[in-house]
C-alpha atoms as a PDB file:
ATOM      1  CA  PRO A   1       0.375   0.202   0.032  1.00  0.00           C
ATOM      2  CA  SER A   2       0.870   3.764  -0.905  1.00  0.00           C
ATOM      3  CA  SER A   3       2.295   6.081   2.287  1.00  0.00           C
ATOM      4  CA  LYS A   4      -0.718   8.181   1.211  1.00  0.00           C
ATOM      5  CA  LYS A   5      -3.370   5.710   1.702  1.00  0.00           C
ATOM      6  CA  MET A   6      -1.658   4.823   4.538  1.00  0.00           C
ATOM      7  CA  ALA A   7      -1.519   8.318   5.950  1.00  0.00           C
ATOM      8  CA  GLN A   8      -5.145   8.466   5.029  1.00  0.00           C
ATOM      9  CA  ARG A   9      -6.359   5.897   7.188  1.00  0.00           C
ATOM     10  CA  GLU A  10      -4.351   6.818  10.137  1.00  0.00           C
ATOM     11  CA  GLN A  11      -5.671  10.131   9.682  1.00  0.00           C
ATOM     12  CA  ALA A  12      -9.310   8.496  10.189  1.00  0.00           C
ATOM     13  CA  LEU A  13      -8.337   6.867  12.899  1.00  0.00           C
ATOM     14  CA  LEU A  14      -6.856  10.035  14.930  1.00  0.00           C
ATOM     15  CA  SER A  15      -7.237  10.062  18.875  1.00  0.00           C
ATOM     16  CA  LYS A  16      -8.402  12.855  20.715  1.00  0.00           C
ATOM     17  CA  ILE A  17      -7.045  14.717  23.671  1.00  0.00           C
ATOM     18  CA  PHE A  18      -9.231  17.584  25.989  1.00  0.00           C
ATOM     19  CA  VAL A  19      -7.675  19.154  28.335  1.00  0.00           C
ATOM     20  CA  THR A  20      -8.494  22.171  30.730  1.00  0.00           C
ATOM     21  CA  VAL A  21      -6.193  24.336  31.939  1.00  0.00           C
ATOM     22  CA  ILE A  22      -7.477  25.087  35.927  1.00  0.00           C
ATOM     23  CA  GLU A  23      -4.979  26.856  37.897  1.00  0.00           C
ATOM     24  CA  ALA A  24      -1.178  26.951  38.913  1.00  0.00           C
ATOM     25  CA  LYS A  25       0.646  28.056  42.353  1.00  0.00           C
ATOM     26  CA  ASN A  26       3.863  29.012  43.458  1.00  0.00           C
ATOM     27  CA  LEU A  27       5.246  29.843  39.994  1.00  0.00           C
ATOM     28  CA  PRO A  28       8.302  31.627  39.465  1.00  0.00           C
ATOM     29  CA  VAL A  29       8.565  35.291  39.956  1.00  0.00           C
ATOM     30  CA  ALA A  30       9.917  37.046  36.672  1.00  0.00           C
ATOM     31  CA  ASP A  31       8.900  40.432  37.260  1.00  0.00           C
ATOM     32  CA  ILE A  32      10.810  43.271  38.824  1.00  0.00           C
ATOM     33  CA  GLY A  33       7.587  43.834  41.056  1.00  0.00           C
ATOM     34  CA  GLY A  34       7.487  40.678  42.398  1.00  0.00           C
ATOM     35  CA  LYS A  35       4.874  38.890  39.935  1.00  0.00           C
ATOM     36  CA  SER A  36       4.694  37.155  36.703  1.00  0.00           C
ATOM     37  CA  ASP A  37       2.292  37.305  33.432  1.00  0.00           C
ATOM     38  CA  PRO A  38       1.658  33.539  32.940  1.00  0.00           C
ATOM     39  CA  TYR A  39       0.225  31.648  30.244  1.00  0.00           C
ATOM     40  CA  VAL A  40       0.262  27.728  29.639  1.00  0.00           C
ATOM     41  CA  LEU A  41       1.299  26.519  26.149  1.00  0.00           C
ATOM     42  CA  PHE A  42       0.102  22.968  25.655  1.00  0.00           C
ATOM     43  CA  LYS A  43       3.001  22.120  23.024  1.00  0.00           C
ATOM     44  CA  ASP A  44       3.083  20.364  19.699  1.00  0.00           C
ATOM     45  CA  VAL A  45       4.833  17.428  20.399  1.00  0.00           C
ATOM     46  CA  LYS A  46       5.518  14.418  18.163  1.00  0.00           C
ATOM     47  CA  GLY A  47       2.173  12.190  17.479  1.00  0.00           C
ATOM     48  CA  ILE A  48       0.033  14.940  18.257  1.00  0.00           C
ATOM     49  CA  ARG A  49      -1.622  17.273  15.611  1.00  0.00           C
ATOM     50  CA  MET A  50      -2.160  21.125  16.478  1.00  0.00           C
ATOM     51  CA  SER A  51      -1.873  24.390  14.429  1.00  0.00           C
ATOM     52  CA  GLY A  52       1.272  26.234  15.215  1.00  0.00           C
ATOM     53  CA  LYS A  53       3.383  25.501  18.355  1.00  0.00           C
ATOM     54  CA  GLY A  54       0.953  24.311  20.048  1.00  0.00           C
ATOM     55  CA  LEU A  55      -2.093  25.723  22.076  1.00  0.00           C
ATOM     56  CA  LYS A  56      -2.554  28.451  24.503  1.00  0.00           C
ATOM     57  CA  THR A  57      -4.299  29.606  27.358  1.00  0.00           C
ATOM     58  CA  SER A  58      -4.745  33.211  28.141  1.00  0.00           C
ATOM     59  CA  THR A  59      -2.223  35.910  29.893  1.00  0.00           C
ATOM     60  CA  LYS A  60      -3.149  36.235  33.664  1.00  0.00           C
ATOM     61  CA  LYS A  61      -1.307  39.901  34.920  1.00  0.00           C
ATOM     62  CA  LYS A  62       0.640  40.169  38.045  1.00  0.00           C
ATOM     63  CA  THR A  63       0.233  36.805  39.762  1.00  0.00           C
ATOM     64  CA  LEU A  64       2.075  33.711  41.032  1.00  0.00           C
ATOM     65  CA  ASP A  65      -1.232  31.821  41.642  1.00  0.00           C
ATOM     66  CA  PRO A  66      -3.319  32.170  38.354  1.00  0.00           C
ATOM     67  CA  VAL A  67      -6.900  30.857  37.614  1.00  0.00           C
ATOM     68  CA  TRP A  68      -7.737  30.052  34.188  1.00  0.00           C
ATOM     69  CA  ASN A  69     -10.735  27.175  34.301  1.00  0.00           C
ATOM     70  CA  GLU A  70      -9.931  27.585  30.038  1.00  0.00           C
ATOM     71  CA  GLN A  71     -10.643  24.450  28.347  1.00  0.00           C
ATOM     72  CA  LEU A  72      -8.490  24.315  25.113  1.00  0.00           C
ATOM     73  CA  PRO A  73      -9.574  23.434  21.541  1.00  0.00           C
ATOM     74  CA  PRO A  74      -9.338  18.988  21.070  1.00  0.00           C
ATOM     75  CA  ALA A  75      -6.083  18.040  19.959  1.00  0.00           C
ATOM     76  CA  GLU A  76      -5.465  14.907  17.900  1.00  0.00           C
ATOM     77  CA  TRP A  77      -2.969  12.342  18.358  1.00  0.00           C
ATOM     78  CA  ASN A  78      -1.581   9.221  17.131  1.00  0.00           C
ATOM     79  CA  TYR A  79       0.355   6.067  18.073  1.00  0.00           C
ATOM     80  CA  LYS A  80       3.295   7.845  18.176  1.00  0.00           C
ATOM     81  CA  LEU A  81       2.618  10.052  21.392  1.00  0.00           C
ATOM     82  CA  ALA A  82       4.400   9.267  24.259  1.00  0.00           C
ATOM     83  CA  LYS A  83       3.739  12.199  26.509  1.00  0.00           C
ATOM     84  CA  LEU A  84       1.966  15.609  27.137  1.00  0.00           C
ATOM     85  CA  VAL A  85       4.031  18.819  27.453  1.00  0.00           C
ATOM     86  CA  PHE A  86       3.258  21.899  28.781  1.00  0.00           C
ATOM     87  CA  LYS A  87       4.984  24.582  29.127  1.00  0.00           C
ATOM     88  CA  VAL A  88       4.510  27.990  31.556  1.00  0.00           C
ATOM     89  CA  TYR A  89       5.871  31.531  29.879  1.00  0.00           C
ATOM     90  CA  ASP A  90       5.442  34.797  31.294  1.00  0.00           C
ATOM     91  CA  HIS A  91       4.167  37.101  28.592  1.00  0.00           C
ATOM     92  CA  ASP A  92       6.597  40.546  27.810  1.00  0.00           C
ATOM     93  CA  THR A  93       5.156  43.241  26.078  1.00  0.00           C
ATOM     94  CA  PHE A  94       8.407  44.706  24.497  1.00  0.00           C
ATOM     95  CA  SER A  95      10.715  41.432  24.900  1.00  0.00           C
ATOM     96  CA  GLN A  96      10.725  37.722  24.237  1.00  0.00           C
ATOM     97  CA  ASP A  97       8.351  35.875  26.415  1.00  0.00           C
ATOM     98  CA  ASP A  98      10.612  33.773  29.394  1.00  0.00           C
ATOM     99  CA  LEU A  99       9.694  30.024  29.579  1.00  0.00           C
ATOM    100  CA  ILE A 100       9.471  29.909  33.413  1.00  0.00           C
ATOM    101  CA  ALA A 101       8.295  26.541  34.355  1.00  0.00           C
ATOM    102  CA  ALA A 102       6.997  23.285  32.480  1.00  0.00           C
ATOM    103  CA  CYS A 103       6.233  19.718  32.986  1.00  0.00           C
ATOM    104  CA  SER A 104       5.536  16.197  30.609  1.00  0.00           C
ATOM    105  CA  ILE A 105       2.724  13.775  31.553  1.00  0.00           C
ATOM    106  CA  PRO A 106       2.827  10.248  30.027  1.00  0.00           C
ATOM    107  CA  ILE A 107      -0.019   9.550  27.499  1.00  0.00           C
ATOM    108  CA  ASP A 108      -0.033   6.114  29.352  1.00  0.00           C
ATOM    109  CA  ASN A 109      -1.955   7.893  32.284  1.00  0.00           C
ATOM    110  CA  PHE A 110      -5.010   8.374  30.167  1.00  0.00           C
ATOM    111  CA  LEU A 111      -5.304   5.251  27.353  1.00  0.00           C
ATOM    112  CA  ASP A 112      -8.102   4.123  30.426  1.00  0.00           C
ATOM    113  CA  GLY A 113     -10.335   6.840  28.788  1.00  0.00           C
ATOM    114  CA  GLN A 114     -11.368   8.512  32.255  1.00  0.00           C
ATOM    115  CA  PRO A 115     -10.919  11.769  33.194  1.00  0.00           C
ATOM    116  CA  LYS A 116      -8.096  12.709  35.026  1.00  0.00           C
ATOM    117  CA  ASP A 117      -8.089  15.718  38.043  1.00  0.00           C
ATOM    118  CA  MET A 118      -4.560  16.462  38.369  1.00  0.00           C
ATOM    119  CA  TRP A 119      -2.277  18.296  40.361  1.00  0.00           C
ATOM    120  CA  VAL A 120       1.107  18.431  38.560  1.00  0.00           C
ATOM    121  CA  PRO A 121       4.613  19.064  39.707  1.00  0.00           C
ATOM    122  CA  LEU A 122       6.357  22.069  37.760  1.00  0.00           C
ATOM    123  CA  LYS A 123      10.155  22.415  37.061  1.00  0.00           C
ATOM    124  CA  ASN A 124      11.237  25.941  37.272  1.00  0.00           C
ATOM    125  CA  LYS A 125      12.964  26.948  34.001  1.00  0.00           C
ATOM    126  CA  PHE A 126      13.503  30.586  34.644  1.00  0.00           C
ATOM    127  CA  GLU A 127      17.126  31.425  34.993  1.00  0.00           C
ATOM    128  CA  GLY A 128      16.919  35.373  34.586  1.00  0.00           C
ATOM    129  CA  VAL A 129      18.184  37.747  36.953  1.00  0.00           C
ATOM    130  CA  VAL A 130      14.837  38.393  38.688  1.00  0.00           C
ATOM    131  CA  GLY A 131      14.385  34.394  38.809  1.00  0.00           C
ATOM    132  CA  ALA A 132      17.090  34.016  40.846  1.00  0.00           C
ATOM    133  CA  LEU A 133      16.235  36.797  43.232  1.00  0.00           C
ATOM    134  CA  HIS A 134      13.045  36.028  43.608  1.00  0.00           C
ATOM    135  CA  GLY A 135      11.267  32.689  44.113  1.00  0.00           C
ATOM    136  CA  GLY A 136       7.907  31.418  44.750  1.00  0.00           C
ATOM    137  CA  ASN A 137       6.633  30.186  47.938  1.00  0.00           C
ATOM    138  CA  GLY A 138       6.767  26.168  47.324  1.00  0.00           C
ATOM    139  CA  GLN A 139       6.850  24.021  44.563  1.00  0.00           C
ATOM    140  CA  PRO A 140       5.059  25.035  41.431  1.00  0.00           C
ATOM    141  CA  GLN A 141       2.412  23.278  40.761  1.00  0.00           C
ATOM    142  CA  LEU A 142       0.106  23.343  37.412  1.00  0.00           C
ATOM    143  CA  HIS A 143      -4.156  21.951  38.127  1.00  0.00           C
ATOM    144  CA  LEU A 144      -4.722  20.059  34.771  1.00  0.00           C
ATOM    145  CA  ASN A 145      -8.583  17.872  34.076  1.00  0.00           C
ATOM    146  CA  ILE A 146      -7.493  15.573  31.507  1.00  0.00           C
ATOM    147  CA  ARG A 147      -9.468  13.370  28.801  1.00  0.00           C
ATOM    148  CA  ALA A 148      -8.121  11.196  25.989  1.00  0.00           C
ATOM    149  CA  GLU A 149     -10.505   9.755  23.395  1.00  0.00           C
ATOM    150  CA  VAL A 150      -8.450   6.446  22.274  1.00  0.00           C
ATOM    151  CA  HIS A 151      -8.883   5.049  19.022  1.00  0.00           C
ATOM    152  CA  LEU A 152      -5.830   2.571  19.396  1.00  0.00           C
ATOM    153  CA  PRO A 153      -6.477  -1.218  19.914  1.00  0.00           C
ATOM    154  CA  LEU A 154      -4.839  -1.487  23.151  1.00  0.00           C
ATOM    155  CA  VAL A 155      -3.601  -4.957  24.067  1.00  0.00           C
ATOM    156  CA  TRP A 156      -2.425  -5.949  27.338  1.00  0.00           C
ATOM    157  CA  PRO A 157      -0.150  -9.554  28.747  1.00  0.00           C
ATOM    158  CA  GLY A 158      -2.391 -12.550  27.791  1.00  0.00           C
ATOM    159  CA  GLN A 159      -5.010 -11.147  25.616  1.00  0.00           C
ATOM    160  CA  PHE A 160      -5.925 -12.912  22.312  1.00  0.00           C
ATOM    161  CA  VAL A 161      -6.516 -11.030  19.464  1.00  0.00           C
ATOM    162  CA  PRO A 162      -8.079 -12.527  15.877  1.00  0.00           C
ATOM    163  CA  VAL A 163      -6.088 -11.785  12.934  1.00  0.00           C
ATOM    164  CA  PRO A 164      -7.882 -10.384  10.433  1.00  0.00           C
ATOM    165  CA  GLY A 165      -6.393 -11.377   7.462  1.00  0.00           C
ATOM    166  CA  PRO A 166      -3.230 -13.203   6.435  1.00  0.00           C
ATOM    167  CA  ARG A 167      -1.234 -10.297   5.331  1.00  0.00           C
ATOM    168  CA  VAL A 168      -0.140  -8.199   8.674  1.00  0.00           C
ATOM    169  CA  THR A 169       2.501  -5.480   9.561  1.00  0.00           C
ATOM    170  CA  LEU A 170       4.499  -5.750  12.782  1.00  0.00           C
ATOM    171  CA  GLY A 171       5.719  -2.322  13.891  1.00  0.00           C
ATOM    172  CA  LEU A 172       8.093  -1.236  16.212  1.00  0.00           C
ATOM    173  CA  GLY A 173       8.526   2.263  17.102  1.00  0.00           C
ATOM    174  CA  TRP A 174      10.741   3.942  19.799  1.00  0.00           C
ATOM    175  CA  ASP A 175      12.129   7.364  21.336  1.00  0.00           C
ATOM    176  CA  THR A 176      15.728   7.603  22.851  1.00  0.00           C
ATOM    177  CA  ALA A 177      16.186   9.689  26.093  1.00  0.00           C
ATOM    178  CA  LYS A 178      18.373  12.814  25.710  1.00  0.00           C
ATOM    179  CA  LYS A 179      20.951  11.676  27.444  1.00  0.00           C
ATOM    180  CA  ALA A 180      20.813   8.059  26.695  1.00  0.00           C
ATOM    181  CA  GLY A 181      22.423   8.516  23.126  1.00  0.00           C
ATOM    182  CA  GLN A 182      21.466   6.519  20.191  1.00  0.00           C
ATOM    183  CA  ILE A 183      19.881   3.041  21.141  1.00  0.00           C
ATOM    184  CA  ASP A 184      19.589   0.256  18.563  1.00  0.00           C
ATOM    185  CA  LEU A 185      16.216  -2.073  18.941  1.00  0.00           C
ATOM    186  CA  ASP A 186      15.977  -4.645  16.625  1.00  0.00           C
ATOM    187  CA  ALA A 187      12.612  -6.818  15.722  1.00  0.00           C
ATOM    188  CA  SER A 188      12.738 -10.221  15.562  1.00  0.00           C
ATOM    189  CA  VAL A 189      10.514 -13.289  14.486  1.00  0.00           C
ATOM    190  CA  VAL A 190      11.340 -17.076  15.321  1.00  0.00           C
ATOM    191  CA  GLY A 191       9.398 -19.807  13.908  1.00  0.00           C
ATOM    192  CA  LEU A 192       8.282 -22.987  15.949  1.00  0.00           C
ATOM    193  CA  ASP A 193       7.138 -26.316  14.989  1.00  0.00           C
ATOM    194  CA  ALA A 194       4.732 -28.168  17.029  1.00  0.00           C
ATOM    195  CA  ALA A 195       7.945 -29.954  19.072  1.00  0.00           C
ATOM    196  CA  GLY A 196       9.358 -26.366  19.850  1.00  0.00           C
ATOM    197  CA  ASN A 197      12.504 -26.711  17.663  1.00  0.00           C
ATOM    198  CA  ILE A 198      13.208 -23.582  15.474  1.00  0.00           C
ATOM    199  CA  VAL A 199      12.331 -23.362  12.193  1.00  0.00           C
ATOM    200  CA  GLU A 200      13.994 -20.390  10.882  1.00  0.00           C
ATOM    201  CA  ARG A 201      14.412 -16.916  12.560  1.00  0.00           C
ATOM    202  CA  VAL A 202      13.819 -13.440  10.535  1.00  0.00           C
ATOM    203  CA  PHE A 203      16.147 -10.718  11.604  1.00  0.00           C
ATOM    204  CA  PHE A 204      18.246  -7.658  10.923  1.00  0.00           C
ATOM    205  CA  GLN A 205      21.240 -10.388   9.629  1.00  0.00           C
ATOM    206  CA  HIS A 206      18.566 -12.439   7.606  1.00  0.00           C
ATOM    207  CA  LEU A 207      16.026 -10.306   6.248  1.00  0.00           C
ATOM    208  CA  VAL A 208      13.708 -12.682   4.080  1.00  0.00           C
ATOM    209  CA  GLY A 209      12.596 -16.402   5.800  1.00  0.00           C
ATOM    210  CA  PHE A 210       9.979 -18.987   5.942  1.00  0.00           C
ATOM    211  CA  GLY A 211      10.120 -19.487   1.767  1.00  0.00           C
ATOM    212  CA  GLY A 212       9.618 -15.466   1.428  1.00  0.00           C
ATOM    213  CA  ALA A 213       6.199 -15.310   3.852  1.00  0.00           C
ATOM    214  CA  VAL A 214       7.816 -13.560   6.219  1.00  0.00           C
ATOM    215  CA  ARG A 215      10.335 -10.094   5.282  1.00  0.00           C
ATOM    216  CA  HIS A 216      12.610  -7.831   7.060  1.00  0.00           C
ATOM    217  CA  LYS A 217      12.406  -4.309   6.020  1.00  0.00           C
ATOM    218  CA  GLY A 218      15.777  -3.592   7.318  1.00  0.00           C
ATOM    219  CA  ASP A 219      17.587  -1.989  10.228  1.00  0.00           C
ATOM    220  CA  ASN A 220      17.157   0.971  12.064  1.00  0.00           C
ATOM    221  CA  ARG A 221      19.688   2.062  14.377  1.00  0.00           C
ATOM    222  CA  THR A 222      18.560   5.374  15.892  1.00  0.00           C
ATOM    223  CA  GLY A 223      14.597   5.154  16.045  1.00  0.00           C
ATOM    224  CA  GLU A 224      14.748   8.470  14.302  1.00  0.00           C
ATOM    225  CA  GLY A 225      11.867   9.420  11.707  1.00  0.00           C
ATOM    226  CA  ASP A 226       8.332   9.705  11.271  1.00  0.00           C
ATOM    227  CA  GLY A 227       5.920   6.012  11.467  1.00  0.00           C
ATOM    228  CA  ASP A 228       7.422   2.872  12.422  1.00  0.00           C
ATOM    229  CA  ASP A 229      10.995   2.180  12.598  1.00  0.00           C
ATOM    230  CA  GLU A 230      10.819  -1.122  11.983  1.00  0.00           C
ATOM    231  CA  GLU A 231       8.549  -3.416  10.462  1.00  0.00           C
ATOM    232  CA  ILE A 232       8.307  -6.820   9.266  1.00  0.00           C
ATOM    233  CA  PHE A 233       5.530  -8.226   7.215  1.00  0.00           C
ATOM    234  CA  PHE A 234       3.904 -11.732   6.679  1.00  0.00           C
ATOM    235  CA  GLU A 235       2.133 -13.279   4.716  1.00  0.00           C
ATOM    236  CA  LEU A 236       0.561 -16.054   6.761  1.00  0.00           C
ATOM    237  CA  ASP A 237      -0.698 -18.604   3.593  1.00  0.00           C
ATOM    238  CA  ARG A 238       2.028 -18.823   2.696  1.00  0.00           C
ATOM    239  CA  LEU A 239       4.328 -20.408   5.701  1.00  0.00           C
ATOM    240  CA  PRO A 240       5.554 -24.029   5.401  1.00  0.00           C
ATOM    241  CA  PRO A 241       3.133 -26.301   7.059  1.00  0.00           C
ATOM    242  CA  THR A 242       5.861 -27.224   9.905  1.00  0.00           C
ATOM    243  CA  VAL A 243       5.306 -23.528  11.114  1.00  0.00           C
ATOM    244  CA  THR A 244       3.092 -23.941  14.134  1.00  0.00           C
ATOM    245  CA  CYS A 245       3.835 -20.737  15.757  1.00  0.00           C
ATOM    246  CA  LEU A 246       5.935 -16.995  15.014  1.00  0.00           C
ATOM    247  CA  ALA A 247       7.088 -15.504  18.424  1.00  0.00           C
ATOM    248  CA  ILE A 248       7.833 -11.809  17.781  1.00  0.00           C
ATOM    249  CA  PHE A 249      10.873 -10.015  19.900  1.00  0.00           C
ATOM    250  CA  ILE A 250      11.954  -6.786  20.454  1.00  0.00           C
ATOM    251  CA  ASP A 251      16.053  -6.668  21.382  1.00  0.00           C
ATOM    252  CA  SER A 252      18.583  -4.399  22.204  1.00  0.00           C
ATOM    253  CA  TYR A 253      21.115  -4.513  19.864  1.00  0.00           C
ATOM    254  CA  THR A 254      23.790  -2.509  21.995  1.00  0.00           C
ATOM    255  CA  LYS A 255      22.415  -4.294  25.456  1.00  0.00           C
ATOM    256  CA  VAL A 256      21.456  -0.764  26.535  1.00  0.00           C
ATOM    257  CA  PRO A 257      18.448  -1.392  28.694  1.00  0.00           C
ATOM    258  CA  PHE A 258      14.814  -0.049  28.338  1.00  0.00           C
ATOM    259  CA  THR A 259      15.355   2.260  31.317  1.00  0.00           C
ATOM    260  CA  LYS A 260      16.975   4.254  28.448  1.00  0.00           C
ATOM    261  CA  VAL A 261      14.196   4.371  26.317  1.00  0.00           C
ATOM    262  CA  LYS A 262      12.018   7.234  26.590  1.00  0.00           C
ATOM    263  CA  SER A 263       9.059   5.448  25.080  1.00  0.00           C
ATOM    264  CA  ALA A 264       8.537   2.377  23.053  1.00  0.00           C
ATOM    265  CA  TYR A 265       5.600   0.489  20.920  1.00  0.00           C
ATOM    266  CA  MET A 266       4.867  -2.240  18.970  1.00  0.00           C
ATOM    267  CA  ARG A 267       1.783  -2.772  16.700  1.00  0.00           C
ATOM    268  CA  LEU A 268       0.274  -5.404  14.215  1.00  0.00           C
ATOM    269  CA  ARG A 269      -1.357  -3.779  11.335  1.00  0.00           C
ATOM    270  CA  ASP A 270      -3.576  -5.564   8.855  1.00  0.00           C
ATOM    271  CA  SER A 271      -1.305  -4.832   5.395  1.00  0.00           C
ATOM    272  CA  VAL A 272      -4.457  -4.885   3.136  1.00  0.00           C
ATOM    273  CA  MET A 273      -6.909  -2.872   5.002  1.00  0.00           C
ATOM    274  CA  LEU A 274      -4.559  -0.937   6.778  1.00  0.00           C
ATOM    275  CA  ASN A 275      -6.144  -1.000  10.077  1.00  0.00           C
ATOM    276  CA  THR A 276      -4.238  -1.595  13.376  1.00  0.00           C
ATOM    277  CA  PHE A 277      -5.441  -4.608  15.204  1.00  0.00           C
ATOM    278  CA  ALA A 278      -2.889  -4.608  18.078  1.00  0.00           C
ATOM    279  CA  PHE A 279      -0.958  -1.884  19.760  1.00  0.00           C
ATOM    280  CA  PHE A 280       1.071  -2.171  22.866  1.00  0.00           C
ATOM    281  CA  ARG A 281       3.325   0.464  24.688  1.00  0.00           C
ATOM    282  CA  LEU A 282       5.898  -0.194  26.778  1.00  0.00           C
ATOM    283  CA  SER A 283       5.129   2.055  29.619  1.00  0.00           C
ATOM    284  CA  LYS A 284       7.250   0.835  32.275  1.00  0.00           C
ATOM    285  CA  MET A 285      10.513   0.230  31.005  1.00  0.00           C
ATOM    286  CA  THR A 286      12.797  -2.191  33.158  1.00  0.00           C
ATOM    287  CA  GLU A 287      16.260  -3.016  32.895  1.00  0.00           C
ATOM    288  CA  HIS A 288      16.073  -5.662  30.695  1.00  0.00           C
ATOM    289  CA  THR A 289      17.330  -5.670  27.444  1.00  0.00           C
ATOM    290  CA  GLY A 290      14.745  -7.432  25.340  1.00  0.00           C
ATOM    291  CA  LEU A 291      10.750  -8.523  25.241  1.00  0.00           C
ATOM    292  CA  PHE A 292       9.135 -11.057  23.771  1.00  0.00           C
ATOM    293  CA  PHE A 293       6.175  -9.282  22.458  1.00  0.00           C
ATOM    294  CA  GLY A 294       3.667 -12.512  21.677  1.00  0.00           C
ATOM    295  CA  CYS A 295       3.175 -15.029  19.346  1.00  0.00           C
ATOM    296  CA  MET A 296       0.560 -15.542  16.060  1.00  0.00           C
ATOM    297  CA  TYR A 297      -0.560 -19.408  15.764  1.00  0.00           C
ATOM    298  CA  ARG A 298      -3.271 -21.527  14.244  1.00  0.00           C
ATOM    299  CA  ASP A 299      -6.399 -21.817  16.739  1.00  0.00           C
ATOM    300  CA  PRO A 300      -7.923 -25.223  16.491  1.00  0.00           C
ATOM    301  CA  SER A 301     -10.250 -23.748  13.846  1.00  0.00           C
ATOM    302  CA  GLY A 302      -7.475 -23.575  11.642  1.00  0.00           C
ATOM    303  CA  ARG A 303      -7.421 -19.514  11.978  1.00  0.00           C
ATOM    304  CA  PHE A 304      -4.645 -17.449  13.107  1.00  0.00           C
ATOM    305  CA  VAL A 305      -4.629 -15.404  16.420  1.00  0.00           C
ATOM    306  CA  PHE A 306      -2.331 -13.288  18.182  1.00  0.00           C
ATOM    307  CA  ARG A 307      -1.696 -13.742  21.939  1.00  0.00           C
ATOM    308  CA  THR A 308       0.156 -11.009  23.962  1.00  0.00           C
ATOM    309  CA  ALA A 309       2.964 -11.845  26.057  1.00  0.00           C
ATOM    310  CA  ALA A 310       4.809  -8.972  26.950  1.00  0.00           C
ATOM    311  CA  MET A 311       7.730 -10.587  29.485  1.00  0.00           C
ATOM    312  CA  PRO A 312      10.469  -8.819  29.482  1.00  0.00           C
ATOM    313  CA  THR A 313      13.590 -11.319  28.515  1.00  0.00           C
ATOM    314  CA  ASN A 314      17.415 -10.284  28.577  1.00  0.00           C
ATOM    315  CA  GLY A 315      18.013 -11.787  24.913  1.00  0.00           C
ATOM    316  CA  ALA A 316      15.879 -12.974  21.608  1.00  0.00           C
ATOM    317  CA  GLY A 317      16.231 -15.769  19.244  1.00  0.00           C
ATOM    318  CA  PRO A 318      17.957 -19.180  20.140  1.00  0.00           C
ATOM    319  CA  ASP A 319      19.183 -18.312  23.760  1.00  0.00           C
ATOM    320  CA  MET A 320      15.472 -17.691  24.567  1.00  0.00           C
ATOM    321  CA  LEU A 321      14.332 -21.170  23.266  1.00  0.00           C
ATOM    322  CA  PRO A 322      13.857 -22.586  26.745  1.00  0.00           C
ATOM    323  CA  GLY A 323      11.539 -20.173  28.398  1.00  0.00           C
ATOM    324  CA  LEU A 324       9.907 -19.811  24.651  1.00  0.00           C
ATOM    325  CA  VAL A 325       8.636 -23.241  24.714  1.00  0.00           C
ATOM    326  CA  ARG A 326       8.402 -23.548  28.506  1.00  0.00           C
ATOM    327  CA  TYR A 327       5.597 -20.669  27.605  1.00  0.00           C
ATOM    328  CA  LEU A 328       3.834 -21.471  24.741  1.00  0.00           C
ATOM    329  CA  LYS A 329       3.630 -25.237  26.272  1.00  0.00           C
ATOM    330  CA  ASP A 330       2.073 -23.536  29.137  1.00  0.00           C
ATOM    331  CA  ASN A 331      -0.625 -21.409  27.503  1.00  0.00           C
ATOM    332  CA  GLN A 332      -1.282 -24.677  25.241  1.00  0.00           C
ATOM    333  CA  VAL A 333       0.428 -22.900  21.916  1.00  0.00           C
ATOM    334  CA  LEU A 334       2.153 -26.280  21.609  1.00  0.00           C
END
């Protein structure tokens, strides 16, 4: 499918985020008179769609404890969004506005679709002369009400998902924490027979396997760019009959633990209809260097299903075989 058609389908499935900025307290002092003229910017970040650089509240004059009670226009977001970012600025009439405080909130907090009323700690960002001489009393905080409208087909460990057709794409995406440097995550597939023996493995050094039924798009070593960073394509109706199960892994090639990854996700998409039918975000990063995402296999009726595992590992491929086989037998896949 063309990238244009994929973009159109993703556009139709965009979720929405609804934000009400209620108030703030203990903001940093930015003006000579011991006050600030604050407004809040809901920042445009990767995975969210806004006009300009973000959505703004009105400016409140000469206060460190402003009250807004303003509902911002709904913002559209997609599977690439990892966190919401809010910045508080001091408005200056004759010079550039000063950033005085900021915070970020993981999108995972809102995936249940329920409204969240929260006081969020703000990090003092003001480094001007006034900010060095004066400070608000106590921890700066921002009071928000946030609700997410979620159109992602979220999956949880142990969940079964019907595979809608024989053409399937696995997508892996990640972003690296600023101080971590480049992190190379790799997606791979291990095919097993009914006895738990490895039939073949497809990964960045072996891009095509199973008679052409599984194809790896190629290695992405940085996580940079739009869309999925790595993709593996499946034609399930072409799999050799000896293949009982396809186990899907994500692995840190450089053995840097997932705690150094800012955000990461895996998703399965119908390659014909372009619908994502299973989406999983690594919300709680661990010191492990790998993840067993789950497996695709035929149910008793002969139809393919996907079972989510989301099990942390310290590797992928042949070295994980004993634990993988044990899991598959315990869950009656083999």
